[in-house]
Protein backbone atom coordinates (compact mmCIF):
# COMPACT_ATOMS: atom_id res chain seq x y z
CA MET A 1 86.27 118.88 89.09
CA PRO A 2 88.05 120.77 91.85
CA THR A 3 91.43 121.83 90.04
CA ALA A 4 94.12 124.13 90.64
CA TYR A 5 96.63 125.74 88.35
CA ILE A 6 99.60 126.15 90.55
CA ASN A 7 103.57 125.74 89.62
CA GLY A 8 102.90 125.06 86.00
CA ILE A 9 100.25 122.19 86.50
CA GLU A 10 96.61 121.02 87.18
CA VAL A 11 96.52 119.59 90.56
CA TYR A 12 93.32 117.83 91.96
CA TYR A 13 92.20 118.13 95.21
CA ASP A 14 88.65 117.24 97.03
CA LEU A 15 88.20 119.67 99.67
CA ASP A 16 84.60 117.96 102.48
CA ASP A 17 83.75 120.03 104.89
CA PHE A 18 80.25 118.47 106.62
CA THR A 19 80.41 120.77 109.78
CA ASP A 20 77.86 122.60 111.36
CA PRO A 21 78.20 126.50 109.35
CA TRP A 22 78.55 128.70 112.03
CA ARG A 23 81.65 126.85 113.40
CA GLN A 24 85.52 127.60 112.07
CA PRO A 25 86.60 123.74 111.64
CA GLY A 26 90.25 123.10 111.61
CA THR A 27 91.52 121.30 108.01
CA PHE A 28 93.12 117.68 107.71
CA LEU A 29 95.04 117.39 104.68
CA LEU A 30 95.36 113.75 103.97
CA GLN A 31 98.15 112.77 101.50
CA HIS A 32 98.61 109.29 99.21
CA GLY A 33 101.05 107.45 98.68
CA PHE A 34 103.03 106.02 95.29
CA SER A 35 101.13 105.41 92.55
CA ARG A 36 97.67 106.44 94.81
CA ASN A 37 95.37 108.63 95.03
CA SER A 38 92.65 110.77 96.87
CA ARG A 39 90.12 107.78 96.93
CA PHE A 40 92.69 105.56 99.00
CA TRP A 41 90.91 108.06 101.73
CA TYR A 42 87.95 106.91 101.53
CA LYS A 43 87.10 105.48 104.95
CA TRP A 44 88.20 108.06 106.28
CA LEU A 45 85.57 110.55 105.59
CA PRO A 46 82.47 109.73 107.39
CA LEU A 47 84.80 109.85 110.69
CA LEU A 48 86.18 113.29 110.17
CA SER A 49 84.23 115.29 107.90
CA SER A 50 81.55 116.47 110.31
CA GLN A 51 84.41 117.56 112.87
CA PHE A 52 87.34 119.18 110.32
CA ARG A 53 87.51 120.45 106.72
CA VAL A 54 89.10 117.28 104.98
CA LEU A 55 91.78 118.24 101.90
CA ARG A 56 92.57 115.33 99.69
CA PRO A 57 94.76 116.15 96.82
CA ASP A 58 96.53 113.75 93.90
CA MET A 59 100.22 114.46 93.85
CA ARG A 60 101.97 115.56 90.48
CA GLY A 61 101.66 112.46 88.24
CA PHE A 62 99.36 110.76 89.86
CA GLY A 63 95.72 109.99 90.07
CA ARG A 64 93.89 112.84 88.50
CA SER A 65 96.74 115.06 89.00
CA SER A 66 98.48 113.05 86.09
CA MET A 67 100.79 114.28 83.95
CA PRO A 68 102.58 113.08 80.61
CA PRO A 69 106.04 110.93 81.26
CA ASP A 70 107.68 113.75 79.00
CA GLN A 71 106.63 116.53 81.11
CA PHE A 72 107.00 114.33 84.80
CA GLU A 73 110.08 114.62 86.77
CA PRO A 74 109.31 113.35 91.12
CA ALA A 75 111.15 115.49 93.13
CA ALA A 76 110.29 115.40 97.03
CA ASP A 77 110.71 119.36 97.45
CA ALA A 78 108.27 120.16 93.86
CA TYR A 79 105.66 117.89 95.72
CA VAL A 80 105.65 120.08 99.14
CA ASN A 81 105.64 123.51 96.90
CA ASP A 82 102.80 122.13 95.51
CA LEU A 83 101.08 121.35 98.97
CA ILE A 84 102.01 125.31 99.83
CA SER A 85 100.65 126.33 96.86
CA LEU A 86 97.69 124.58 96.85
CA LEU A 87 97.08 125.65 100.79
CA ASP A 88 97.38 129.45 99.28
CA HIS A 89 95.51 129.04 96.61
CA LEU A 90 92.36 127.54 99.09
CA ASP A 91 93.46 130.18 101.14
CA ILE A 92 93.95 127.94 104.32
CA GLU A 93 96.75 129.22 106.81
CA LYS A 94 97.04 125.45 108.86
CA VAL A 95 96.47 122.20 108.70
CA VAL A 96 96.83 118.85 110.41
CA TYR A 97 98.96 116.77 107.96
CA VAL A 98 97.70 113.24 107.47
CA GLY A 99 100.62 111.03 105.31
CA GLU A 100 100.72 107.39 104.49
CA SER A 101 103.86 105.82 103.56
CA PHE A 102 105.59 107.75 100.94
CA GLY A 103 102.59 110.77 101.74
CA GLY A 104 104.45 110.76 105.15
CA ILE A 105 108.03 111.25 103.75
CA LEU A 106 106.91 114.17 102.13
CA GLY A 107 105.01 115.11 105.48
CA LEU A 108 108.41 115.11 107.00
CA LEU A 109 109.84 117.21 104.94
CA PHE A 110 106.97 120.36 104.69
CA ALA A 111 107.31 119.81 108.71
CA HIS A 112 111.35 120.43 108.33
CA THR A 113 111.08 123.20 105.37
CA HIS A 114 107.26 124.69 106.59
CA PRO A 115 106.57 124.13 110.35
CA GLU A 116 104.71 127.06 110.90
CA ARG A 117 101.72 126.03 108.17
CA LEU A 118 101.36 122.47 109.86
CA GLU A 119 99.04 121.73 113.35
CA ALA A 120 100.84 118.54 113.86
CA LEU A 121 102.44 115.83 111.87
CA VAL A 122 100.49 112.54 111.57
CA LEU A 123 102.73 109.29 109.90
CA THR A 124 100.64 106.35 109.40
CA SER A 125 102.89 103.23 108.13
CA THR A 126 105.68 105.52 106.85
CA PRO A 127 109.34 105.01 106.95
CA VAL A 128 111.98 107.02 106.96
CA SER A 129 113.95 106.03 104.16
CA LEU A 130 112.65 103.09 101.70
CA PRO A 131 114.19 99.38 102.24
CA GLY A 132 114.56 98.63 99.06
CA ARG A 133 116.91 95.54 98.82
CA ALA A 134 114.86 94.12 101.52
CA LEU A 135 111.30 94.90 99.91
CA GLU A 136 112.88 92.95 96.98
CA ALA A 137 113.88 89.93 98.30
CA LYS A 138 110.54 89.29 100.47
CA PHE A 139 107.99 90.29 97.32
CA PRO A 140 110.28 89.38 94.63
CA VAL A 141 108.61 90.11 91.00
CA LYS A 142 108.49 87.46 87.87
CA GLU A 143 110.02 89.66 85.55
CA GLY A 144 113.11 90.41 87.91
CA SER A 145 113.09 93.89 88.61
CA ALA A 146 110.37 96.44 89.43
CA ASP A 147 111.36 99.06 87.07
CA ALA A 148 110.75 95.41 83.97
CA ALA A 149 107.01 94.88 86.34
CA LEU A 150 106.40 98.47 86.18
CA ALA A 151 106.86 98.67 82.38
CA LYS A 152 103.95 95.78 82.27
CA GLY A 153 101.32 98.00 83.72
CA VAL A 154 101.53 99.35 87.57
CA ASP A 155 98.05 96.83 88.30
CA ASN A 156 101.27 94.27 87.27
CA TRP A 157 103.72 95.22 89.78
CA SER A 158 101.13 95.83 92.50
CA ARG A 159 99.40 92.39 91.97
CA GLN A 160 102.98 90.68 93.04
CA THR A 161 103.76 93.30 95.65
CA ILE A 162 100.87 93.93 97.04
CA GLY A 163 101.47 92.58 100.50
CA GLN A 164 104.02 95.24 100.78
CA ARG A 165 101.32 97.87 101.76
CA ILE A 166 98.49 96.38 102.61
CA ASP A 167 98.47 93.33 105.39
CA LEU A 168 96.30 90.39 103.25
CA ARG A 169 96.00 88.74 106.35
CA LEU A 170 93.64 91.28 107.33
CA ALA A 171 92.33 93.12 104.52
CA PRO A 172 89.26 91.50 102.47
CA PRO A 173 90.39 90.27 99.13
CA GLN A 174 87.97 92.44 97.35
CA LEU A 175 89.58 95.42 98.88
CA ALA A 176 93.20 93.67 97.45
CA GLU A 177 91.79 93.97 94.51
CA TRP A 178 90.58 97.28 94.52
CA TRP A 179 94.18 98.96 94.92
CA ILE A 180 95.55 97.14 92.24
CA MET A 181 93.13 98.75 90.06
CA GLU A 182 93.59 101.94 91.38
CA MET A 183 97.28 101.96 91.28
CA GLY A 184 97.03 100.40 87.56
CA LYS A 185 95.52 103.72 87.10
CA THR A 186 99.05 105.25 86.90
CA ILE A 187 100.72 105.68 83.99
CA PRO A 188 103.94 103.10 83.87
CA GLU A 189 107.04 105.88 83.34
CA ASN A 190 105.87 108.23 85.90
CA ALA A 191 105.94 104.82 88.37
CA ILE A 192 109.08 103.93 87.13
CA LYS A 193 110.42 107.07 87.77
CA HIS A 194 108.86 107.59 90.76
CA HIS A 195 110.08 104.21 92.09
CA ARG A 196 113.83 105.36 91.43
CA TYR A 197 113.55 108.53 93.06
CA ALA A 198 111.74 107.56 96.17
CA ALA A 199 114.56 104.80 96.89
CA THR A 200 117.32 108.09 97.35
CA LEU A 201 115.53 109.63 99.82
CA ASP A 202 116.48 109.08 103.60
CA PHE A 203 115.13 111.64 105.96
CA SER A 204 117.25 110.07 109.08
CA PRO A 205 119.51 112.84 109.29
CA HIS A 206 117.17 115.37 109.76
CA LEU A 207 114.72 114.17 112.67
CA GLY A 208 116.01 115.37 115.44
CA GLU A 209 115.71 118.77 113.39
CA LEU A 210 111.43 118.34 113.30
CA ARG A 211 109.47 121.08 115.76
CA VAL A 212 106.02 120.32 114.95
CA PRO A 213 103.80 118.02 117.32
CA THR A 214 104.38 114.41 115.38
CA LEU A 215 102.12 111.46 116.06
CA VAL A 216 103.82 107.77 113.99
CA LEU A 217 101.07 105.17 113.81
CA CYS A 218 102.35 101.73 111.99
CA GLY A 219 101.73 98.31 112.48
CA GLU A 220 104.29 96.77 113.90
CA ASN A 221 104.81 94.00 111.28
CA SER A 222 104.83 96.63 108.66
CA PRO A 223 107.72 95.51 105.93
CA ILE A 224 108.27 98.96 104.86
CA ALA A 225 108.10 101.34 107.99
CA GLY A 226 108.01 98.99 111.02
CA ASP A 227 111.86 98.36 111.41
CA GLN A 228 112.23 102.25 111.81
CA VAL A 229 109.76 103.33 114.10
CA GLU A 230 112.05 103.04 117.00
CA LEU A 231 114.36 105.28 114.97
CA MET A 232 111.86 107.63 114.96
CA ARG A 233 111.05 107.08 118.37
CA SER A 234 114.64 107.92 119.55
CA ARG A 235 115.31 111.05 117.49
CA VAL A 236 111.52 113.54 116.96
CA PRO A 237 111.33 115.27 119.68
CA GLY A 238 108.57 114.71 121.72
CA VAL A 239 107.20 112.21 119.89
CA LYS A 240 104.13 109.70 120.23
CA VAL A 241 104.63 106.10 118.56
CA VAL A 242 101.33 104.15 118.36
CA SER A 243 102.39 100.54 117.22
CA PHE A 244 98.85 97.99 116.42
CA PRO A 245 100.34 94.53 117.08
CA GLY A 246 100.15 91.88 114.98
CA VAL A 247 99.13 94.44 112.17
CA GLY A 248 101.92 94.87 108.80
CA HIS A 249 101.04 97.69 106.44
CA GLY A 250 98.38 99.71 105.72
CA VAL A 251 97.07 100.86 108.95
CA HIS A 252 95.02 104.06 107.86
CA ALA A 253 92.83 100.89 105.93
CA LEU A 254 92.42 98.29 107.66
CA MET A 255 92.23 100.50 110.87
CA PRO A 256 90.43 103.87 109.95
CA GLU A 257 88.65 104.11 113.41
CA GLN A 258 91.69 103.09 115.77
CA CYS A 259 93.68 105.41 113.70
CA ILE A 260 91.84 108.59 113.63
CA GLN A 261 90.63 108.27 117.24
CA GLU A 262 94.05 108.19 118.23
CA ILE A 263 94.75 111.49 115.98
CA LEU A 264 91.80 112.81 117.98
CA THR A 265 93.12 111.88 121.06
CA PHE A 266 96.85 113.44 120.33
CA LEU A 267 94.89 116.41 119.20
CA ASN A 268 92.81 116.82 122.27
CA GLU A 269 96.12 116.36 124.68
CA ARG A 270 98.09 118.82 123.29
CA SER A 271 95.30 121.53 122.56
CA LEU A 272 95.89 122.03 119.03
CA VAL A 273 92.49 121.80 117.09
CA PRO A 274 88.89 121.92 118.90
CA VAL A 275 87.35 118.34 117.89
CA SER A 276 83.62 120.00 118.96
CA SER A 277 82.42 123.28 119.77
């Protein structure tokens, strides 16, 4: 199992590379969101790994980078520092960063604090700040609060709110069940800590300071990110926004081929990373 001991913890990662051995491919870093893990990018691997190296880390406290609750304290700076340390450990200088949902929020911080390590920033279904009260009103839980629902198991909370993170009109039922099962592997105490912490974040004051080529991919009906796309369009210098009509949250899972084609077009247009050589 590939792990790196960095910043006092064991971080799990997958690094896939099926490129021709004489090439020097660029690297994609795919970062999952809340209570998810590297497995959530499984549809992207066959589409990317013949042209690029694909790095998929599990965020500290989640997936196979899980930690005991008494050792886990969520902090965006710590998450980003783990990524920087992992890149250093693997001797990777720069990446195309792709983050989904909370992983995209981390990408915004990464781009702001370490722009020299990024070829480009891709945000999929990413909010600038989490619309907590609106989500709780639209996706209420029978326990009355997210904390109470999460305490009974992340799968319990996820089953009641799965429509937040994937469009159930478009997702096969088996995909939604798999999401619930995978999210349910998260330690409830870790999920509660992270859920509370994430609600305090707001990157909007720094959007105009980004200096990394940025692509935003989002379903126009995403309950988490849809209303915030125009904010990024108006404030992020040189941003390109692709909004998929009639689609809710989770475009990276529902439309992987379309997302990757948009990314490769974006990179080609800016001569950022060769897609064939």
